[in-house]
C-alpha atoms as a PDB file:
ATOM      1  CA  UNK A   1     -33.760  -3.193  26.999  1.00  0.00           C
ATOM      2  CA  UNK A   2     -30.509  -1.156  27.696  1.00  0.00           C
ATOM      3  CA  UNK A   3     -28.418   0.113  24.922  1.00  0.00           C
ATOM      4  CA  UNK A   4     -25.286  -1.836  23.850  1.00  0.00           C
ATOM      5  CA  UNK A   5     -22.012  -0.505  22.884  1.00  0.00           C
ATOM      6  CA  UNK A   6     -20.034  -2.290  20.299  1.00  0.00           C
ATOM      7  CA  UNK A   7     -16.363  -1.538  19.398  1.00  0.00           C
ATOM      8  CA  UNK A   8     -14.518  -2.313  16.267  1.00  0.00           C
ATOM      9  CA  UNK A   9     -10.929  -1.943  15.230  1.00  0.00           C
ATOM     10  CA  UNK A  10      -9.034  -1.754  12.144  1.00  0.00           C
ATOM     11  CA  UNK A  11      -5.800  -0.418  10.536  1.00  0.00           C
ATOM     12  CA  UNK A  12      -7.944   2.703   9.673  1.00  0.00           C
ATOM     13  CA  UNK A  13     -10.999   4.223  10.519  1.00  0.00           C
ATOM     14  CA  UNK A  14     -12.474   3.194   7.095  1.00  0.00           C
ATOM     15  CA  UNK A  15     -11.110  -0.447   7.805  1.00  0.00           C
ATOM     16  CA  UNK A  16     -12.992  -0.348  11.262  1.00  0.00           C
ATOM     17  CA  UNK A  17     -16.241   0.857   9.538  1.00  0.00           C
ATOM     18  CA  UNK A  18     -16.093  -1.823   6.946  1.00  0.00           C
ATOM     19  CA  UNK A  19     -15.609  -4.487   9.695  1.00  0.00           C
ATOM     20  CA  UNK A  20     -18.456  -3.120  11.641  1.00  0.00           C
ATOM     21  CA  UNK A  21     -20.752  -3.163   8.549  1.00  0.00           C
ATOM     22  CA  UNK A  22     -19.810  -6.661   7.800  1.00  0.00           C
ATOM     23  CA  UNK A  23     -20.458  -7.836  11.265  1.00  0.00           C
ATOM     24  CA  UNK A  24     -23.753  -6.152  11.523  1.00  0.00           C
ATOM     25  CA  UNK A  25     -25.002  -6.978   8.220  1.00  0.00           C
ATOM     26  CA  UNK A  26     -25.501  -3.149   7.344  1.00  0.00           C
ATOM     27  CA  UNK A  27     -24.600  -0.841   4.547  1.00  0.00           C
ATOM     28  CA  UNK A  28     -21.483   1.144   5.774  1.00  0.00           C
ATOM     29  CA  UNK A  29     -22.995   4.330   4.579  1.00  0.00           C
ATOM     30  CA  UNK A  30     -25.813   3.845   6.950  1.00  0.00           C
ATOM     31  CA  UNK A  31     -23.783   3.539  10.163  1.00  0.00           C
ATOM     32  CA  UNK A  32     -23.643   6.024  12.843  1.00  0.00           C
ATOM     33  CA  UNK A  33     -20.288   5.699  14.853  1.00  0.00           C
ATOM     34  CA  UNK A  34     -18.004   7.517  17.155  1.00  0.00           C
ATOM     35  CA  UNK A  35     -14.256   7.558  16.647  1.00  0.00           C
ATOM     36  CA  UNK A  36     -12.734   6.358  19.693  1.00  0.00           C
ATOM     37  CA  UNK A  37      -8.991   6.437  18.620  1.00  0.00           C
ATOM     38  CA  UNK A  38      -7.254   7.005  15.391  1.00  0.00           C
ATOM     39  CA  UNK A  39      -4.560   4.632  14.093  1.00  0.00           C
ATOM     40  CA  UNK A  40      -0.774   5.357  14.928  1.00  0.00           C
ATOM     41  CA  UNK A  41       2.066   3.830  13.244  1.00  0.00           C
ATOM     42  CA  UNK A  42       4.537   3.809  16.087  1.00  0.00           C
ATOM     43  CA  UNK A  43       8.219   3.890  15.564  1.00  0.00           C
ATOM     44  CA  UNK A  44       9.451   1.137  13.286  1.00  0.00           C
ATOM     45  CA  UNK A  45       6.068  -0.592  13.875  1.00  0.00           C
ATOM     46  CA  UNK A  46       6.617  -0.638  17.596  1.00  0.00           C
ATOM     47  CA  UNK A  47       3.745   0.883  19.690  1.00  0.00           C
ATOM     48  CA  UNK A  48       1.429   1.158  16.821  1.00  0.00           C
ATOM     49  CA  UNK A  49      -2.234   1.207  17.662  1.00  0.00           C
ATOM     50  CA  UNK A  50      -5.298   0.490  15.530  1.00  0.00           C
ATOM     51  CA  UNK A  51      -8.227   2.711  14.813  1.00  0.00           C
ATOM     52  CA  UNK A  52     -11.206   2.134  17.104  1.00  0.00           C
ATOM     53  CA  UNK A  53     -14.755   3.113  16.611  1.00  0.00           C
ATOM     54  CA  UNK A  54     -17.891   2.752  18.770  1.00  0.00           C
ATOM     55  CA  UNK A  55     -21.462   1.956  17.677  1.00  0.00           C
ATOM     56  CA  UNK A  56     -24.344   2.166  19.942  1.00  0.00           C
ATOM     57  CA  UNK A  57     -27.143  -0.521  19.352  1.00  0.00           C
ATOM     58  CA  UNK A  58     -30.397   0.783  20.741  1.00  0.00           C
ATOM     59  CA  UNK A  59     -32.893  -1.239  22.794  1.00  0.00           C
ATOM     60  CA  UNK A  60     -36.498  -1.372  21.800  1.00  0.00           C
ATOM     61  CA  UNK A  61     -37.744   1.004  24.540  1.00  0.00           C
ATOM     62  CA  UNK A  62     -34.571   3.232  25.056  1.00  0.00           C
ATOM     63  CA  UNK A  63     -34.012   6.598  23.323  1.00  0.00           C
ATOM     64  CA  UNK A  64     -30.852   6.704  21.291  1.00  0.00           C
ATOM     65  CA  UNK A  65     -27.913   8.499  22.785  1.00  0.00           C
ATOM     66  CA  UNK A  66     -26.590  11.175  20.526  1.00  0.00           C
ATOM     67  CA  UNK A  67     -24.074  13.905  20.642  1.00  0.00           C
ATOM     68  CA  UNK A  68     -25.047  17.288  21.882  1.00  0.00           C
ATOM     69  CA  UNK A  69     -26.822  19.816  19.531  1.00  0.00           C
ATOM     70  CA  UNK A  70     -24.481  22.389  18.228  1.00  0.00           C
ATOM     71  CA  UNK A  71     -25.557  26.143  18.510  1.00  0.00           C
ATOM     72  CA  UNK A  72     -25.686  28.979  16.107  1.00  0.00           C
ATOM     73  CA  UNK A  73     -26.344  26.767  13.038  1.00  0.00           C
ATOM     74  CA  UNK A  74     -26.208  28.174   9.559  1.00  0.00           C
ATOM     75  CA  UNK A  75     -29.007  26.454   7.373  1.00  0.00           C
ATOM     76  CA  UNK A  76     -28.166  25.645   3.694  1.00  0.00           C
ATOM     77  CA  UNK A  77     -30.630  26.228   1.112  1.00  0.00           C
ATOM     78  CA  UNK A  78     -32.394  22.973   0.108  1.00  0.00           C
ATOM     79  CA  UNK A  79     -33.468  24.588  -3.192  1.00  0.00           C
ATOM     80  CA  UNK A  80     -29.865  24.867  -4.346  1.00  0.00           C
ATOM     81  CA  UNK A  81     -30.032  21.153  -5.438  1.00  0.00           C
ATOM     82  CA  UNK A  82     -32.771  19.561  -7.503  1.00  0.00           C
ATOM     83  CA  UNK A  83     -33.483  16.006  -6.509  1.00  0.00           C
ATOM     84  CA  UNK A  84     -33.860  13.636  -9.588  1.00  0.00           C
ATOM     85  CA  UNK A  85     -37.372  12.523 -10.572  1.00  0.00           C
ATOM     86  CA  UNK A  86     -38.783   9.975  -7.992  1.00  0.00           C
ATOM     87  CA  UNK A  87     -37.282  11.620  -4.894  1.00  0.00           C
ATOM     88  CA  UNK A  88     -40.282  12.900  -3.430  1.00  0.00           C
ATOM     89  CA  UNK A  89     -39.712  13.824   0.172  1.00  0.00           C
ATOM     90  CA  UNK A  90     -41.504  11.342   2.378  1.00  0.00           C
ATOM     91  CA  UNK A  91     -44.459  12.573   4.554  1.00  0.00           C
ATOM     92  CA  UNK A  92     -45.274  11.634   8.133  1.00  0.00           C
ATOM     93  CA  UNK A  93     -48.820  10.010   8.622  1.00  0.00           C
ATOM     94  CA  UNK A  94     -50.909  11.986  11.019  1.00  0.00           C
ATOM     95  CA  UNK A  95     -52.538  10.407  14.042  1.00  0.00           C
ATOM     96  CA  UNK A  96     -55.930   9.134  13.518  1.00  0.00           C
ATOM     97  CA  UNK A  97     -58.762   8.115  15.946  1.00  0.00           C
ATOM     98  CA  UNK A  98     -57.710   6.292  19.131  1.00  0.00           C
ATOM     99  CA  UNK A  99     -54.265   8.076  19.242  1.00  0.00           C
ATOM    100  CA  UNK A 100     -52.664   5.384  16.924  1.00  0.00           C
ATOM    101  CA  UNK A 101     -50.701   6.321  13.982  1.00  0.00           C
ATOM    102  CA  UNK A 102     -51.874   5.251  10.678  1.00  0.00           C
ATOM    103  CA  UNK A 103     -49.430   2.712   9.070  1.00  0.00           C
ATOM    104  CA  UNK A 104     -46.987   4.442   6.926  1.00  0.00           C
ATOM    105  CA  UNK A 105     -47.303   3.790   3.304  1.00  0.00           C
ATOM    106  CA  UNK A 106     -44.561   1.872   1.412  1.00  0.00           C
ATOM    107  CA  UNK A 107     -42.024   3.973  -0.024  1.00  0.00           C
ATOM    108  CA  UNK A 108     -42.316   4.370  -3.802  1.00  0.00           C
ATOM    109  CA  UNK A 109     -39.430   2.952  -5.740  1.00  0.00           C
ATOM    110  CA  UNK A 110     -36.590   5.349  -6.576  1.00  0.00           C
ATOM    111  CA  UNK A 111     -36.483   6.136 -10.265  1.00  0.00           C
ATOM    112  CA  UNK A 112     -33.589   8.363 -11.644  1.00  0.00           C
ATOM    113  CA  UNK A 113     -34.431  10.090 -14.717  1.00  0.00           C
ATOM    114  CA  UNK A 114     -31.839  12.528 -16.052  1.00  0.00           C
ATOM    115  CA  UNK A 115     -32.906  14.321 -19.038  1.00  0.00           C
ATOM    116  CA  UNK A 116     -30.088  14.558 -21.603  1.00  0.00           C
ATOM    117  CA  UNK A 117     -29.787  16.250 -24.945  1.00  0.00           C
ATOM    118  CA  UNK A 118     -27.244  16.014 -27.665  1.00  0.00           C
ATOM    119  CA  UNK A 119     -24.459  18.801 -28.056  1.00  0.00           C
ATOM    120  CA  UNK A 120     -24.613  21.352 -30.761  1.00  0.00           C
ATOM    121  CA  UNK A 121     -22.283  20.426 -33.594  1.00  0.00           C
ATOM    122  CA  UNK A 122     -20.298  23.618 -33.120  1.00  0.00           C
ATOM    123  CA  UNK A 123     -19.885  23.292 -29.234  1.00  0.00           C
ATOM    124  CA  UNK A 124     -16.369  24.490 -28.391  1.00  0.00           C
ATOM    125  CA  UNK A 125     -16.285  23.150 -24.791  1.00  0.00           C
ATOM    126  CA  UNK A 126     -16.770  19.525 -25.280  1.00  0.00           C
ATOM    127  CA  UNK A 127     -13.475  18.916 -27.124  1.00  0.00           C
ATOM    128  CA  UNK A 128     -11.603  20.641 -24.380  1.00  0.00           C
ATOM    129  CA  UNK A 129     -13.434  18.557 -21.703  1.00  0.00           C
ATOM    130  CA  UNK A 130     -12.947  15.239 -23.535  1.00  0.00           C
ATOM    131  CA  UNK A 131      -9.191  15.807 -24.202  1.00  0.00           C
ATOM    132  CA  UNK A 132      -8.622  16.640 -20.473  1.00  0.00           C
ATOM    133  CA  UNK A 133     -10.552  13.604 -19.323  1.00  0.00           C
ATOM    134  CA  UNK A 134      -9.186  11.029 -21.680  1.00  0.00           C
ATOM    135  CA  UNK A 135      -5.667  12.141 -21.120  1.00  0.00           C
ATOM    136  CA  UNK A 136      -6.254  11.834 -17.256  1.00  0.00           C
ATOM    137  CA  UNK A 137      -7.730   8.331 -17.729  1.00  0.00           C
ATOM    138  CA  UNK A 138      -4.666   7.255 -19.613  1.00  0.00           C
ATOM    139  CA  UNK A 139      -2.271   8.608 -16.959  1.00  0.00           C
ATOM    140  CA  UNK A 140      -4.372   6.644 -14.442  1.00  0.00           C
ATOM    141  CA  UNK A 141      -3.899   3.478 -16.179  1.00  0.00           C
ATOM    142  CA  UNK A 142      -7.470   3.066 -17.075  1.00  0.00           C
ATOM    143  CA  UNK A 143      -7.620   1.240 -20.343  1.00  0.00           C
ATOM    144  CA  UNK A 144     -10.262   1.818 -23.057  1.00  0.00           C
ATOM    145  CA  UNK A 145     -11.176   5.003 -21.391  1.00  0.00           C
ATOM    146  CA  UNK A 146     -14.209   6.760 -22.866  1.00  0.00           C
ATOM    147  CA  UNK A 147     -15.968  10.056 -22.135  1.00  0.00           C
ATOM    148  CA  UNK A 148     -19.559  10.435 -23.521  1.00  0.00           C
ATOM    149  CA  UNK A 149     -20.761  14.073 -23.270  1.00  0.00           C
ATOM    150  CA  UNK A 150     -24.192  15.344 -23.281  1.00  0.00           C
ATOM    151  CA  UNK A 151     -26.320  18.524 -21.821  1.00  0.00           C
ATOM    152  CA  UNK A 152     -28.453  17.878 -18.990  1.00  0.00           C
ATOM    153  CA  UNK A 153     -31.609  19.725 -18.020  1.00  0.00           C
ATOM    154  CA  UNK A 154     -29.787  22.378 -16.219  1.00  0.00           C
ATOM    155  CA  UNK A 155     -27.548  23.140 -19.138  1.00  0.00           C
ATOM    156  CA  UNK A 156     -24.506  21.543 -17.582  1.00  0.00           C
ATOM    157  CA  UNK A 157     -22.130  19.199 -19.341  1.00  0.00           C
ATOM    158  CA  UNK A 158     -22.965  15.621 -18.245  1.00  0.00           C
ATOM    159  CA  UNK A 159     -19.975  13.341 -18.965  1.00  0.00           C
ATOM    160  CA  UNK A 160     -20.227   9.582 -18.515  1.00  0.00           C
ATOM    161  CA  UNK A 161     -16.725   8.140 -18.113  1.00  0.00           C
ATOM    162  CA  UNK A 162     -16.118   4.445 -18.848  1.00  0.00           C
ATOM    163  CA  UNK A 163     -13.111   2.120 -18.947  1.00  0.00           C
ATOM    164  CA  UNK A 164     -11.303  -0.436 -16.946  1.00  0.00           C
ATOM    165  CA  UNK A 165     -11.043  -0.109 -13.165  1.00  0.00           C
ATOM    166  CA  UNK A 166     -13.474   2.702 -12.654  1.00  0.00           C
ATOM    167  CA  UNK A 167     -13.657   2.037  -9.049  1.00  0.00           C
ATOM    168  CA  UNK A 168     -10.132   3.693  -8.873  1.00  0.00           C
ATOM    169  CA  UNK A 169     -11.581   6.894 -10.539  1.00  0.00           C
ATOM    170  CA  UNK A 170     -14.746   6.842  -8.305  1.00  0.00           C
ATOM    171  CA  UNK A 171     -12.917   6.589  -5.047  1.00  0.00           C
ATOM    172  CA  UNK A 172     -14.352   6.305  -1.581  1.00  0.00           C
ATOM    173  CA  UNK A 173     -17.822   7.681  -1.632  1.00  0.00           C
ATOM    174  CA  UNK A 174     -17.057   9.518  -4.897  1.00  0.00           C
ATOM    175  CA  UNK A 175     -14.109  11.594  -3.470  1.00  0.00           C
ATOM    176  CA  UNK A 176     -11.857  10.957  -6.381  1.00  0.00           C
ATOM    177  CA  UNK A 177     -14.616  11.493  -9.004  1.00  0.00           C
ATOM    178  CA  UNK A 178     -15.399  14.878  -7.375  1.00  0.00           C
ATOM    179  CA  UNK A 179     -11.858  16.025  -7.413  1.00  0.00           C
ATOM    180  CA  UNK A 180     -11.563  15.087 -11.138  1.00  0.00           C
ATOM    181  CA  UNK A 181     -14.795  16.965 -11.598  1.00  0.00           C
ATOM    182  CA  UNK A 182     -13.396  20.087  -9.880  1.00  0.00           C
ATOM    183  CA  UNK A 183     -10.248  19.838 -12.085  1.00  0.00           C
ATOM    184  CA  UNK A 184     -12.449  19.477 -15.354  1.00  0.00           C
ATOM    185  CA  UNK A 185     -14.388  22.607 -14.351  1.00  0.00           C
ATOM    186  CA  UNK A 186     -11.199  24.625 -13.780  1.00  0.00           C
ATOM    187  CA  UNK A 187      -9.972  23.572 -17.215  1.00  0.00           C
ATOM    188  CA  UNK A 188     -13.069  24.285 -19.180  1.00  0.00           C
ATOM    189  CA  UNK A 189     -13.706  27.591 -17.500  1.00  0.00           C
ATOM    190  CA  UNK A 190     -10.103  28.691 -18.242  1.00  0.00           C
ATOM    191  CA  UNK A 191     -10.854  28.613 -21.707  1.00  0.00           C
ATOM    192  CA  UNK A 192     -14.541  29.462 -21.750  1.00  0.00           C
ATOM    193  CA  UNK A 193     -16.056  33.045 -21.953  1.00  0.00           C
ATOM    194  CA  UNK A 194     -19.190  32.034 -20.032  1.00  0.00           C
ATOM    195  CA  UNK A 195     -19.383  30.141 -16.569  1.00  0.00           C
ATOM    196  CA  UNK A 196     -19.595  26.370 -17.533  1.00  0.00           C
ATOM    197  CA  UNK A 197     -20.545  23.571 -15.208  1.00  0.00           C
ATOM    198  CA  UNK A 198     -19.267  20.025 -15.749  1.00  0.00           C
ATOM    199  CA  UNK A 199     -20.855  17.014 -13.939  1.00  0.00           C
ATOM    200  CA  UNK A 200     -18.924  13.701 -14.052  1.00  0.00           C
ATOM    201  CA  UNK A 201     -20.410  10.279 -13.613  1.00  0.00           C
ATOM    202  CA  UNK A 202     -19.400   6.599 -14.056  1.00  0.00           C
ATOM    203  CA  UNK A 203     -21.312   3.418 -13.845  1.00  0.00           C
ATOM    204  CA  UNK A 204     -24.433   5.334 -12.669  1.00  0.00           C
ATOM    205  CA  UNK A 205     -22.658   6.301  -9.433  1.00  0.00           C
ATOM    206  CA  UNK A 206     -24.329   9.633  -8.855  1.00  0.00           C
ATOM    207  CA  UNK A 207     -27.927   8.055  -8.975  1.00  0.00           C
ATOM    208  CA  UNK A 208     -26.894   5.205  -6.765  1.00  0.00           C
ATOM    209  CA  UNK A 209     -25.292   7.633  -4.224  1.00  0.00           C
ATOM    210  CA  UNK A 210     -28.368  10.048  -4.299  1.00  0.00           C
ATOM    211  CA  UNK A 211     -30.551   7.019  -3.531  1.00  0.00           C
ATOM    212  CA  UNK A 212     -28.342   5.921  -0.582  1.00  0.00           C
ATOM    213  CA  UNK A 213     -28.446   9.555   0.816  1.00  0.00           C
ATOM    214  CA  UNK A 214     -32.251   9.852   0.493  1.00  0.00           C
ATOM    215  CA  UNK A 215     -32.652   6.537   2.332  1.00  0.00           C
ATOM    216  CA  UNK A 216     -30.101   7.693   4.997  1.00  0.00           C
ATOM    217  CA  UNK A 217     -32.014  10.861   5.332  1.00  0.00           C
ATOM    218  CA  UNK A 218     -35.383   9.323   5.960  1.00  0.00           C
ATOM    219  CA  UNK A 219     -34.011   6.779   8.315  1.00  0.00           C
ATOM    220  CA  UNK A 220     -32.328   9.616  10.424  1.00  0.00           C
ATOM    221  CA  UNK A 221     -35.692  11.421  10.230  1.00  0.00           C
ATOM    222  CA  UNK A 222     -37.490   8.546  11.571  1.00  0.00           C
ATOM    223  CA  UNK A 223     -35.068   8.397  14.466  1.00  0.00           C
ATOM    224  CA  UNK A 224     -35.386  11.988  15.226  1.00  0.00           C
ATOM    225  CA  UNK A 225     -39.286  11.625  15.289  1.00  0.00           C
ATOM    226  CA  UNK A 226     -39.185   8.541  17.396  1.00  0.00           C
ATOM    227  CA  UNK A 227     -36.965   9.821  19.984  1.00  0.00           C
ATOM    228  CA  UNK A 228     -37.721  13.478  19.781  1.00  0.00           C
ATOM    229  CA  UNK A 229     -34.083  14.224  19.558  1.00  0.00           C
ATOM    230  CA  UNK A 230     -31.695  15.718  17.059  1.00  0.00           C
ATOM    231  CA  UNK A 231     -29.608  13.301  14.930  1.00  0.00           C
ATOM    232  CA  UNK A 232     -26.232  14.070  13.537  1.00  0.00           C
ATOM    233  CA  UNK A 233     -24.965  12.823  10.261  1.00  0.00           C
ATOM    234  CA  UNK A 234     -21.367  12.110   9.376  1.00  0.00           C
ATOM    235  CA  UNK A 235     -19.332  14.914   7.565  1.00  0.00           C
ATOM    236  CA  UNK A 236     -20.317  15.331   3.893  1.00  0.00           C
ATOM    237  CA  UNK A 237     -19.581  17.511   0.883  1.00  0.00           C
ATOM    238  CA  UNK A 238     -21.819  20.474  -0.029  1.00  0.00           C
ATOM    239  CA  UNK A 239     -23.496  18.600  -2.719  1.00  0.00           C
ATOM    240  CA  UNK A 240     -24.432  15.684  -0.764  1.00  0.00           C
ATOM    241  CA  UNK A 241     -25.514  17.822   2.256  1.00  0.00           C
ATOM    242  CA  UNK A 242     -27.882  19.701  -0.143  1.00  0.00           C
ATOM    243  CA  UNK A 243     -29.410  16.285  -1.120  1.00  0.00           C
ATOM    244  CA  UNK A 244     -30.152  15.616   2.398  1.00  0.00           C
ATOM    245  CA  UNK A 245     -31.760  19.015   2.962  1.00  0.00           C
ATOM    246  CA  UNK A 246     -33.796  18.674   0.009  1.00  0.00           C
ATOM    247  CA  UNK A 247     -34.903  15.062   0.726  1.00  0.00           C
ATOM    248  CA  UNK A 248     -36.281  16.114   4.183  1.00  0.00           C
ATOM    249  CA  UNK A 249     -37.752  19.504   3.324  1.00  0.00           C
ATOM    250  CA  UNK A 250     -41.294  18.215   3.133  1.00  0.00           C
ATOM    251  CA  UNK A 251     -41.094  16.260   6.533  1.00  0.00           C
ATOM    252  CA  UNK A 252     -43.452  17.204   9.246  1.00  0.00           C
ATOM    253  CA  UNK A 253     -41.719  18.008  12.659  1.00  0.00           C
ATOM    254  CA  UNK A 254     -38.249  17.878  10.822  1.00  0.00           C
ATOM    255  CA  UNK A 255     -35.848  20.587   9.939  1.00  0.00           C
ATOM    256  CA  UNK A 256     -32.310  20.255   8.872  1.00  0.00           C
ATOM    257  CA  UNK A 257     -29.191  22.564   9.222  1.00  0.00           C
ATOM    258  CA  UNK A 258     -25.397  22.336   8.761  1.00  0.00           C
ATOM    259  CA  UNK A 259     -22.762  22.932  11.347  1.00  0.00           C
ATOM    260  CA  UNK A 260     -19.056  22.902  11.277  1.00  0.00           C
ATOM    261  CA  UNK A 261     -16.519  23.858   8.749  1.00  0.00           C
ATOM    262  CA  UNK A 262     -15.421  21.822   5.655  1.00  0.00           C
ATOM    263  CA  UNK A 263     -14.203  19.151   5.458  1.00  0.00           C
ATOM    264  CA  UNK A 264     -15.887  18.185   8.688  1.00  0.00           C
ATOM    265  CA  UNK A 265     -19.188  20.085   8.037  1.00  0.00           C
ATOM    266  CA  UNK A 266     -22.290  17.859   8.687  1.00  0.00           C
ATOM    267  CA  UNK A 267     -26.097  17.901   8.698  1.00  0.00           C
ATOM    268  CA  UNK A 268     -28.190  17.910  11.697  1.00  0.00           C
ATOM    269  CA  UNK A 269     -31.626  16.422  11.337  1.00  0.00           C
ATOM    270  CA  UNK A 270     -33.520  18.168  14.075  1.00  0.00           C
ATOM    271  CA  UNK A 271     -36.887  17.373  15.685  1.00  0.00           C
ATOM    272  CA  UNK A 272     -39.419  20.279  15.853  1.00  0.00           C
ATOM    273  CA  UNK A 273     -42.655  20.426  17.750  1.00  0.00           C
END
């Protein structure tokens, strides 16, 4: 069967992706797409053009068409990130007699267990972190804002934020949450003698996003193995890229590396013989 190219339009790239996900019945984070054109406003609304993306639907026997592999990659270290418990990298079944592949075992359910411990009573950083975050939540119009602070297994301050309209704080794929986390780290380290790390979370977003990324990593690796061609993921932040690297570090015939520069830096899932 031949490949099929589908085009979707929207007021923005994000709107076009959401329309494609709804039309195909898929999670938008799992879609691979090519930007055909970006939206333009025109002059006083005249001559405006929508954003357009292209998605390639593969036939059963046709290899997937992907972008050319970029050269001189710089590999990021997978050991820089520790996957939560339950994220064991998936292994590929080796061929058995008759040249047939053994059926792949059903993936184990993803279990997120973050080991938290209470703060020491004389901790000086927690009040600074809490005052900054609660003040920011109030300015954002988030009612009943709360900031529960603990220490995680890495010695970082883990802050679980709560309140109304937390989707506003999390933002698209956690971009707003990451930005607030960056500011919180600047604030606490300005008044701390030792290097301190703050991790922000809300409504268990970090665990849910990590599960989505691990699923995406393994799905992309399956494609690379099936077609024996490198696969490119969409641009991601450094933390999310490291999750991809760590998730695939144990896959046979698969290696990963990152190319490009931020904010367009992305992971290549490469097939190796």
